[in-house]
PDB file of N, CA and C in Angstrom:
ATOM      1  N   MET A   1      76.086  37.064   4.399  1.00  0.00           N
ATOM      2  CA  MET A   1      74.968  38.270   5.071  1.00  0.00           C
ATOM      3  C   MET A   1      74.648  39.472   3.214  1.00  0.00           C
ATOM      4  N   GLU A   2      73.493  39.185   4.176  1.00  0.00           N
ATOM      5  CA  GLU A   2      72.944  40.928   2.746  1.00  0.00           C
ATOM      6  C   GLU A   2      73.421  41.622   2.977  1.00  0.00           C
ATOM      7  N   GLU A   3      73.857  42.496   2.237  1.00  0.00           N
ATOM      8  CA  GLU A   3      74.089  44.508   2.376  1.00  0.00           C
ATOM      9  C   GLU A   3      72.884  44.850   1.851  1.00  0.00           C
ATOM     10  N   LYS A   4      72.583  45.662   2.830  1.00  0.00           N
ATOM     11  CA  LYS A   4      71.197  46.637   2.948  1.00  0.00           C
ATOM     12  C   LYS A   4      71.766  47.681   2.602  1.00  0.00           C
ATOM     13  N   ASP A   5      71.052  48.491   1.345  1.00  0.00           N
ATOM     14  CA  ASP A   5      71.016  49.641   0.905  1.00  0.00           C
ATOM     15  C   ASP A   5      70.389  50.319   1.810  1.00  0.00           C
ATOM     16  N   GLU A   6      71.349  51.017   2.095  1.00  0.00           N
ATOM     17  CA  GLU A   6      70.439  52.273   2.919  1.00  0.00           C
ATOM     18  C   GLU A   6      70.514  53.688   2.170  1.00  0.00           C
ATOM     19  N   VAL A   7      69.284  53.747   1.968  1.00  0.00           N
ATOM     20  CA  VAL A   7      68.458  55.104   1.398  1.00  0.00           C
ATOM     21  C   VAL A   7      68.451  56.468   1.786  1.00  0.00           C
ATOM     22  N   LYS A   8      69.294  57.513   1.552  1.00  0.00           N
ATOM     23  CA  LYS A   8      69.282  58.603   2.356  1.00  0.00           C
ATOM     24  C   LYS A   8      68.104  59.502   1.700  1.00  0.00           C
ATOM     25  N   LYS A   9      67.749  59.582   2.780  1.00  0.00           N
ATOM     26  CA  LYS A   9      66.231  60.278   2.578  1.00  0.00           C
ATOM     27  C   LYS A   9      66.573  62.444   2.703  1.00  0.00           C
ATOM     28  N   PRO A  10      65.634  62.717   2.106  1.00  0.00           N
ATOM     29  CA  PRO A  10      66.112  64.236   1.585  1.00  0.00           C
ATOM     30  C   PRO A  10      65.652  64.641   3.393  1.00  0.00           C
ATOM     31  N   ILE A  11      66.045  65.713   4.250  1.00  0.00           N
ATOM     32  CA  ILE A  11      65.543  66.572   5.058  1.00  0.00           C
ATOM     33  C   ILE A  11      64.446  66.571   4.700  1.00  0.00           C
ATOM     34  N   SER A  12      62.924  66.920   5.736  1.00  0.00           N
ATOM     35  CA  SER A  12      61.987  67.507   5.192  1.00  0.00           C
ATOM     36  C   SER A  12      62.225  68.936   5.269  1.00  0.00           C
ATOM     37  N   ASN A  13      61.044  69.466   4.810  1.00  0.00           N
ATOM     38  CA  ASN A  13      61.199  70.773   4.809  1.00  0.00           C
ATOM     39  C   ASN A  13      60.591  71.471   5.787  1.00  0.00           C
ATOM     40  N   GLY A  14      59.705  71.088   6.913  1.00  0.00           N
ATOM     41  CA  GLY A  14      59.347  71.411   8.075  1.00  0.00           C
ATOM     42  C   GLY A  14      60.731  71.312   8.678  1.00  0.00           C
ATOM     43  N   TYR A  15      61.528  70.780   8.843  1.00  0.00           N
ATOM     44  CA  TYR A  15      62.581  70.224   9.521  1.00  0.00           C
ATOM     45  C   TYR A  15      63.284  71.601   9.530  1.00  0.00           C
ATOM     46  N   ILE A  16      63.998  71.846   7.716  1.00  0.00           N
ATOM     47  CA  ILE A  16      65.109  73.014   7.642  1.00  0.00           C
ATOM     48  C   ILE A  16      64.522  74.146   8.071  1.00  0.00           C
ATOM     49  N   ILE A  17      63.530  74.544   8.203  1.00  0.00           N
ATOM     50  CA  ILE A  17      62.323  75.493   8.444  1.00  0.00           C
ATOM     51  C   ILE A  17      62.548  76.151   9.759  1.00  0.00           C
ATOM     52  N   GLY A  18      62.457  74.775  10.569  1.00  0.00           N
ATOM     53  CA  GLY A  18      61.845  74.645  12.378  1.00  0.00           C
ATOM     54  C   GLY A  18      63.605  74.658  12.727  1.00  0.00           C
ATOM     55  N   ILE A  19      64.658  74.070  11.992  1.00  0.00           N
ATOM     56  CA  ILE A  19      65.665  74.951  12.075  1.00  0.00           C
ATOM     57  C   ILE A  19      66.234  76.572  12.297  1.00  0.00           C
ATOM     58  N   ASN A  20      65.854  76.803  10.823  1.00  0.00           N
ATOM     59  CA  ASN A  20      66.368  77.703  11.094  1.00  0.00           C
ATOM     60  C   ASN A  20      65.683  78.785  11.791  1.00  0.00           C
ATOM     61  N   ILE A  21      64.658  78.661  12.669  1.00  0.00           N
ATOM     62  CA  ILE A  21      63.879  79.204  13.248  1.00  0.00           C
ATOM     63  C   ILE A  21      64.056  79.699  14.483  1.00  0.00           C
ATOM     64  N   GLY A  22      64.632  77.802  15.234  1.00  0.00           N
ATOM     65  CA  GLY A  22      64.959  77.484  16.693  1.00  0.00           C
ATOM     66  C   GLY A  22      67.150  78.175  16.661  1.00  0.00           C
ATOM     67  N   ILE A  23      67.590  78.813  15.021  1.00  0.00           N
ATOM     68  CA  ILE A  23      68.431  79.176  14.806  1.00  0.00           C
ATOM     69  C   ILE A  23      68.558  80.941  15.370  1.00  0.00           C
ATOM     70  N   LEU A  24      67.859  81.197  14.614  1.00  0.00           N
ATOM     71  CA  LEU A  24      67.237  82.852  15.685  1.00  0.00           C
ATOM     72  C   LEU A  24      66.896  82.943  16.838  1.00  0.00           C
ATOM     73  N   ALA A  25      65.726  82.310  16.804  1.00  0.00           N
ATOM     74  CA  ALA A  25      66.031  82.004  18.123  1.00  0.00           C
ATOM     75  C   ALA A  25      66.967  82.274  19.414  1.00  0.00           C
ATOM     76  N   VAL A  26      67.170  81.855  19.132  1.00  0.00           N
ATOM     77  CA  VAL A  26      69.061  81.321  19.882  1.00  0.00           C
ATOM     78  C   VAL A  26      69.612  83.190  19.806  1.00  0.00           C
ATOM     79  N   TYR A  27      70.231  83.127  18.996  1.00  0.00           N
ATOM     80  CA  TYR A  27      71.115  84.656  19.007  1.00  0.00           C
ATOM     81  C   TYR A  27      69.552  85.968  18.513  1.00  0.00           C
ATOM     82  N   THR A  28      68.597  85.283  18.756  1.00  0.00           N
ATOM     83  CA  THR A  28      68.048  86.776  19.109  1.00  0.00           C
ATOM     84  C   THR A  28      67.870  86.831  20.620  1.00  0.00           C
ATOM     85  N   LEU A  29      67.433  85.853  21.263  1.00  0.00           N
ATOM     86  CA  LEU A  29      68.132  85.928  22.789  1.00  0.00           C
ATOM     87  C   LEU A  29      69.375  86.902  23.183  1.00  0.00           C
ATOM     88  N   ILE A  30      70.626  85.974  22.894  1.00  0.00           N
ATOM     89  CA  ILE A  30      71.895  85.975  23.290  1.00  0.00           C
ATOM     90  C   ILE A  30      72.134  87.965  22.767  1.00  0.00           C
ATOM     91  N   SER A  31      71.133  88.481  21.469  1.00  0.00           N
ATOM     92  CA  SER A  31      71.292  89.879  21.206  1.00  0.00           C
ATOM     93  C   SER A  31      70.790  90.893  22.461  1.00  0.00           C
ATOM     94  N   LYS A  32      69.631  90.345  23.412  1.00  0.00           N
ATOM     95  CA  LYS A  32      68.696  90.289  23.637  1.00  0.00           C
ATOM     96  C   LYS A  32      68.993  91.025  25.084  1.00  0.00           C
ATOM     97  N   ALA A  33      70.228  90.097  25.317  1.00  0.00           N
ATOM     98  CA  ALA A  33      70.799  90.054  26.475  1.00  0.00           C
ATOM     99  C   ALA A  33      72.350  91.298  26.946  1.00  0.00           C
ATOM    100  N   THR A  34      72.398  91.323  25.321  1.00  0.00           N
ATOM    101  CA  THR A  34      73.382  92.707  25.375  1.00  0.00           C
ATOM    102  C   THR A  34      72.733  94.157  25.229  1.00  0.00           C
ATOM    103  N   SER A  35      74.487  94.984  25.388  1.00  0.00           N
ATOM    104  CA  SER A  35      74.071  96.136  25.156  1.00  0.00           C
ATOM    105  C   SER A  35      73.970  95.856  23.155  1.00  0.00           C
ATOM    106  N   GLY A  36      73.345  97.077  23.669  1.00  0.00           N
ATOM    107  CA  GLY A  36      73.555  97.252  21.997  1.00  0.00           C
ATOM    108  C   GLY A  36      73.058  95.797  20.669  1.00  0.00           C
ATOM    109  N   GLY A  37      71.939  95.791  21.587  1.00  0.00           N
ATOM    110  CA  GLY A  37      71.027  94.372  20.711  1.00  0.00           C
ATOM    111  C   GLY A  37      70.516  94.093  19.364  1.00  0.00           C
ATOM    112  N   MET A  38      70.058  94.963  18.728  1.00  0.00           N
ATOM    113  CA  MET A  38      69.241  95.901  17.838  1.00  0.00           C
ATOM    114  C   MET A  38      70.712  95.631  16.895  1.00  0.00           C
ATOM    115  N   ILE A  39      71.339  95.550  16.418  1.00  0.00           N
ATOM    116  CA  ILE A  39      72.445  96.055  15.593  1.00  0.00           C
ATOM    117  C   ILE A  39      72.856  94.767  15.830  1.00  0.00           C
ATOM    118  N   ILE A  40      73.999  93.551  16.570  1.00  0.00           N
ATOM    119  CA  ILE A  40      74.033  92.512  16.478  1.00  0.00           C
ATOM    120  C   ILE A  40      72.833  91.642  16.677  1.00  0.00           C
ATOM    121  N   ASP A  41      71.831  92.157  16.123  1.00  0.00           N
ATOM    122  CA  ASP A  41      70.550  90.677  15.712  1.00  0.00           C
ATOM    123  C   ASP A  41      70.613  91.428  14.905  1.00  0.00           C
ATOM    124  N   ALA A  42      70.363  92.525  14.228  1.00  0.00           N
ATOM    125  CA  ALA A  42      70.550  92.911  12.439  1.00  0.00           C
ATOM    126  C   ALA A  42      71.265  92.535  11.447  1.00  0.00           C
ATOM    127  N   LEU A  43      72.980  91.981  12.418  1.00  0.00           N
ATOM    128  CA  LEU A  43      73.855  91.520  11.561  1.00  0.00           C
ATOM    129  C   LEU A  43      73.469  89.862  11.029  1.00  0.00           C
ATOM    130  N   PHE A  44      73.358  89.120  13.196  1.00  0.00           N
ATOM    131  CA  PHE A  44      72.803  88.011  12.569  1.00  0.00           C
ATOM    132  C   PHE A  44      72.052  87.775  11.560  1.00  0.00           C
ATOM    133  N   ILE A  45      71.029  88.477  11.860  1.00  0.00           N
ATOM    134  CA  ILE A  45      69.501  87.800  10.643  1.00  0.00           C
ATOM    135  C   ILE A  45      69.931  88.341   9.216  1.00  0.00           C
ATOM    136  N   VAL A  46      71.098  89.666   8.902  1.00  0.00           N
ATOM    137  CA  VAL A  46      71.107  89.622   7.743  1.00  0.00           C
ATOM    138  C   VAL A  46      72.457  88.406   7.086  1.00  0.00           C
ATOM    139  N   CYS A  47      73.023  87.872   7.752  1.00  0.00           N
ATOM    140  CA  CYS A  47      73.920  86.603   7.887  1.00  0.00           C
ATOM    141  C   CYS A  47      73.379  85.730   7.511  1.00  0.00           C
ATOM    142  N   HIS A  48      72.331  85.782   8.216  1.00  0.00           N
ATOM    143  CA  HIS A  48      71.613  84.062   8.545  1.00  0.00           C
ATOM    144  C   HIS A  48      70.704  84.037   7.349  1.00  0.00           C
ATOM    145  N   VAL A  49      70.162  85.159   6.458  1.00  0.00           N
ATOM    146  CA  VAL A  49      69.601  85.255   5.572  1.00  0.00           C
ATOM    147  C   VAL A  49      70.293  85.536   4.373  1.00  0.00           C
ATOM    148  N   LEU A  50      71.400  85.512   4.098  1.00  0.00           N
ATOM    149  CA  LEU A  50      72.425  85.727   2.904  1.00  0.00           C
ATOM    150  C   LEU A  50      72.603  83.760   2.834  1.00  0.00           C
ATOM    151  N   GLY A  51      72.644  83.293   3.729  1.00  0.00           N
ATOM    152  CA  GLY A  51      74.092  81.915   4.387  1.00  0.00           C
ATOM    153  C   GLY A  51      72.723  81.121   3.225  1.00  0.00           C
ATOM    154  N   CYS A  52      70.793  81.416   4.215  1.00  0.00           N
ATOM    155  CA  CYS A  52      70.260  80.379   3.439  1.00  0.00           C
ATOM    156  C   CYS A  52      70.256  80.586   1.659  1.00  0.00           C
ATOM    157  N   LEU A  53      70.240  82.107   1.530  1.00  0.00           N
ATOM    158  CA  LEU A  53      69.540  81.895   0.056  1.00  0.00           C
ATOM    159  C   LEU A  53      71.155  81.230  -0.757  1.00  0.00           C
ATOM    160  N   VAL A  54      72.231  81.465  -0.204  1.00  0.00           N
ATOM    161  CA  VAL A  54      73.413  80.377  -0.802  1.00  0.00           C
ATOM    162  C   VAL A  54      72.524  79.246  -0.962  1.00  0.00           C
ATOM    163  N   ILE A  55      73.171  78.152   0.627  1.00  0.00           N
ATOM    164  CA  ILE A  55      72.324  77.407   0.485  1.00  0.00           C
ATOM    165  C   ILE A  55      71.251  76.762  -0.440  1.00  0.00           C
ATOM    166  N   GLY A  56      70.379  77.756  -0.602  1.00  0.00           N
ATOM    167  CA  GLY A  56      68.793  77.490  -1.731  1.00  0.00           C
ATOM    168  C   GLY A  56      69.738  77.428  -2.842  1.00  0.00           C
ATOM    169  N   ALA A  57      70.483  78.223  -3.491  1.00  0.00           N
ATOM    170  CA  ALA A  57      71.387  78.526  -4.431  1.00  0.00           C
ATOM    171  C   ALA A  57      72.035  76.973  -5.100  1.00  0.00           C
ATOM    172  N   ALA A  58      72.615  76.736  -3.726  1.00  0.00           N
ATOM    173  CA  ALA A  58      73.710  75.573  -4.248  1.00  0.00           C
ATOM    174  C   ALA A  58      72.828  74.258  -3.946  1.00  0.00           C
ATOM    175  N   VAL A  59      72.062  74.287  -3.266  1.00  0.00           N
ATOM    176  CA  VAL A  59      71.059  72.637  -3.157  1.00  0.00           C
ATOM    177  C   VAL A  59      69.967  72.379  -4.313  1.00  0.00           C
ATOM    178  N   ARG A  60      69.548  74.016  -4.976  1.00  0.00           N
ATOM    179  CA  ARG A  60      68.571  74.493  -5.198  1.00  0.00           C
ATOM    180  C   ARG A  60      67.317  73.711  -4.977  1.00  0.00           C
ATOM    181  N   ARG A  61      66.830  73.910  -3.717  1.00  0.00           N
ATOM    182  CA  ARG A  61      65.605  73.552  -2.906  1.00  0.00           C
ATOM    183  C   ARG A  61      65.075  74.753  -2.680  1.00  0.00           C
ATOM    184  N   TRP A  62      63.885  75.108  -2.283  1.00  0.00           N
ATOM    185  CA  TRP A  62      62.825  76.335  -2.980  1.00  0.00           C
ATOM    186  C   TRP A  62      62.603  76.670  -1.001  1.00  0.00           C
ATOM    187  N   VAL A  63      62.774  74.885   0.171  1.00  0.00           N
ATOM    188  CA  VAL A  63      62.410  75.655   0.847  1.00  0.00           C
ATOM    189  C   VAL A  63      63.298  76.792   1.940  1.00  0.00           C
ATOM    190  N   TRP A  64      64.894  76.408   0.962  1.00  0.00           N
ATOM    191  CA  TRP A  64      65.793  77.540   1.289  1.00  0.00           C
ATOM    192  C   TRP A  64      65.261  79.009   1.831  1.00  0.00           C
ATOM    193  N   VAL A  65      64.829  79.207   0.389  1.00  0.00           N
ATOM    194  CA  VAL A  65      64.066  80.787   0.365  1.00  0.00           C
ATOM    195  C   VAL A  65      62.994  81.136   0.161  1.00  0.00           C
ATOM    196  N   LEU A  66      62.029  80.236   1.032  1.00  0.00           N
ATOM    197  CA  LEU A  66      61.131  80.028   1.976  1.00  0.00           C
ATOM    198  C   LEU A  66      61.969  80.348   3.276  1.00  0.00           C
ATOM    199  N   SER A  67      62.832  79.824   3.733  1.00  0.00           N
ATOM    200  CA  SER A  67      63.301  79.861   5.106  1.00  0.00           C
ATOM    201  C   SER A  67      64.008  81.063   5.762  1.00  0.00           C
ATOM    202  N   ALA A  68      64.806  81.508   4.072  1.00  0.00           N
ATOM    203  CA  ALA A  68      65.211  83.345   4.491  1.00  0.00           C
ATOM    204  C   ALA A  68      64.000  83.686   5.018  1.00  0.00           C
ATOM    205  N   LEU A  69      63.266  83.617   3.922  1.00  0.00           N
ATOM    206  CA  LEU A  69      61.765  84.991   3.352  1.00  0.00           C
ATOM    207  C   LEU A  69      61.389  84.618   5.433  1.00  0.00           C
ATOM    208  N   VAL A  70      61.184  83.518   5.749  1.00  0.00           N
ATOM    209  CA  VAL A  70      60.574  83.532   7.063  1.00  0.00           C
ATOM    210  C   VAL A  70      61.377  84.167   8.694  1.00  0.00           C
ATOM    211  N   VAL A  71      62.780  83.654   8.064  1.00  0.00           N
ATOM    212  CA  VAL A  71      63.548  84.778   9.642  1.00  0.00           C
ATOM    213  C   VAL A  71      63.893  85.746   8.893  1.00  0.00           C
ATOM    214  N   LEU A  72      64.065  86.596   7.843  1.00  0.00           N
ATOM    215  CA  LEU A  72      63.614  87.939   7.557  1.00  0.00           C
ATOM    216  C   LEU A  72      62.348  88.418   8.145  1.00  0.00           C
ATOM    217  N   LEU A  73      61.035  87.970   7.910  1.00  0.00           N
ATOM    218  CA  LEU A  73      60.056  88.561   8.722  1.00  0.00           C
ATOM    219  C   LEU A  73      60.438  88.516  10.163  1.00  0.00           C
ATOM    220  N   ILE A  74      60.447  87.692  10.071  1.00  0.00           N
ATOM    221  CA  ILE A  74      60.438  87.546  11.597  1.00  0.00           C
ATOM    222  C   ILE A  74      61.545  88.176  12.789  1.00  0.00           C
ATOM    223  N   GLY A  75      62.743  88.407  11.892  1.00  0.00           N
ATOM    224  CA  GLY A  75      63.960  88.480  12.296  1.00  0.00           C
ATOM    225  C   GLY A  75      63.739  90.317  12.567  1.00  0.00           C
ATOM    226  N   LEU A  76      63.366  90.495  11.184  1.00  0.00           N
ATOM    227  CA  LEU A  76      62.599  92.177  11.173  1.00  0.00           C
ATOM    228  C   LEU A  76      61.730  92.597  12.843  1.00  0.00           C
ATOM    229  N   SER A  77      60.524  91.830  12.344  1.00  0.00           N
ATOM    230  CA  SER A  77      60.072  92.087  13.801  1.00  0.00           C
ATOM    231  C   SER A  77      60.308  91.708  14.973  1.00  0.00           C
ATOM    232  N   THR A  78      61.625  90.920  15.367  1.00  0.00           N
ATOM    233  CA  THR A  78      62.151  91.153  16.572  1.00  0.00           C
ATOM    234  C   THR A  78      62.721  92.333  16.735  1.00  0.00           C
ATOM    235  N   CYS A  79      63.818  92.689  15.373  1.00  0.00           N
ATOM    236  CA  CYS A  79      64.678  94.077  15.363  1.00  0.00           C
ATOM    237  C   CYS A  79      63.541  95.648  15.704  1.00  0.00           C
ATOM    238  N   VAL A  80      62.969  95.666  15.506  1.00  0.00           N
ATOM    239  CA  VAL A  80      61.711  96.510  15.584  1.00  0.00           C
ATOM    240  C   VAL A  80      61.188  96.091  16.894  1.00  0.00           C
ATOM    241  N   GLU A  81      60.853  95.241  17.992  1.00  0.00           N
ATOM    242  CA  GLU A  81      60.688  95.330  19.249  1.00  0.00           C
ATOM    243  C   GLU A  81      61.985  95.390  19.706  1.00  0.00           C
ATOM    244  N   LEU A  82      62.912  94.720  19.662  1.00  0.00           N
ATOM    245  CA  LEU A  82      64.389  95.540  20.388  1.00  0.00           C
ATOM    246  C   LEU A  82      64.937  96.969  20.081  1.00  0.00           C
ATOM    247  N   MET A  83      64.197  97.616  19.027  1.00  0.00           N
ATOM    248  CA  MET A  83      64.394  98.825  19.034  1.00  0.00           C
ATOM    249  C   MET A  83      63.660  99.396  19.780  1.00  0.00           C
ATOM    250  N   GLY A  84      62.358  99.186  20.351  1.00  0.00           N
ATOM    251  CA  GLY A  84      61.355 100.063  20.818  1.00  0.00           C
ATOM    252  C   GLY A  84      61.980  99.764  21.960  1.00  0.00           C
ATOM    253  N   ASN A  85      62.194  99.166  22.747  1.00  0.00           N
ATOM    254  CA  ASN A  85      62.504  98.144  24.584  1.00  0.00           C
ATOM    255  C   ASN A  85      63.423  99.386  24.956  1.00  0.00           C
ATOM    256  N   THR A  86      64.997 100.047  23.592  1.00  0.00           N
ATOM    257  CA  THR A  86      65.400 100.627  23.448  1.00  0.00           C
ATOM    258  C   THR A  86      65.795 102.364  23.825  1.00  0.00           C
ATOM    259  N   LEU A  87      64.553 102.515  23.667  1.00  0.00           N
ATOM    260  CA  LEU A  87      64.367 103.963  23.204  1.00  0.00           C
ATOM    261  C   LEU A  87      63.326 104.286  24.642  1.00  0.00           C
TER     262      LEU A  87
END
């Protein structure tokens, strides 16, 4: 029997960004359902952005830095929206 060499394909850029946006959506919905949602959401966003930057530096892929920027921009706008609902 021949052994097939399985080559690991790198994860696509769109998949990485999509997963990060999905994670952002999940904890934004959770923080919106709780009291003090804007503060909780801001904490999650900071941790998420820092995590993306650390992973980007570790694996040396710019898509993680791009993902951090996307999470930061979308997360900032959702924080502003959550703040507007609480006033």
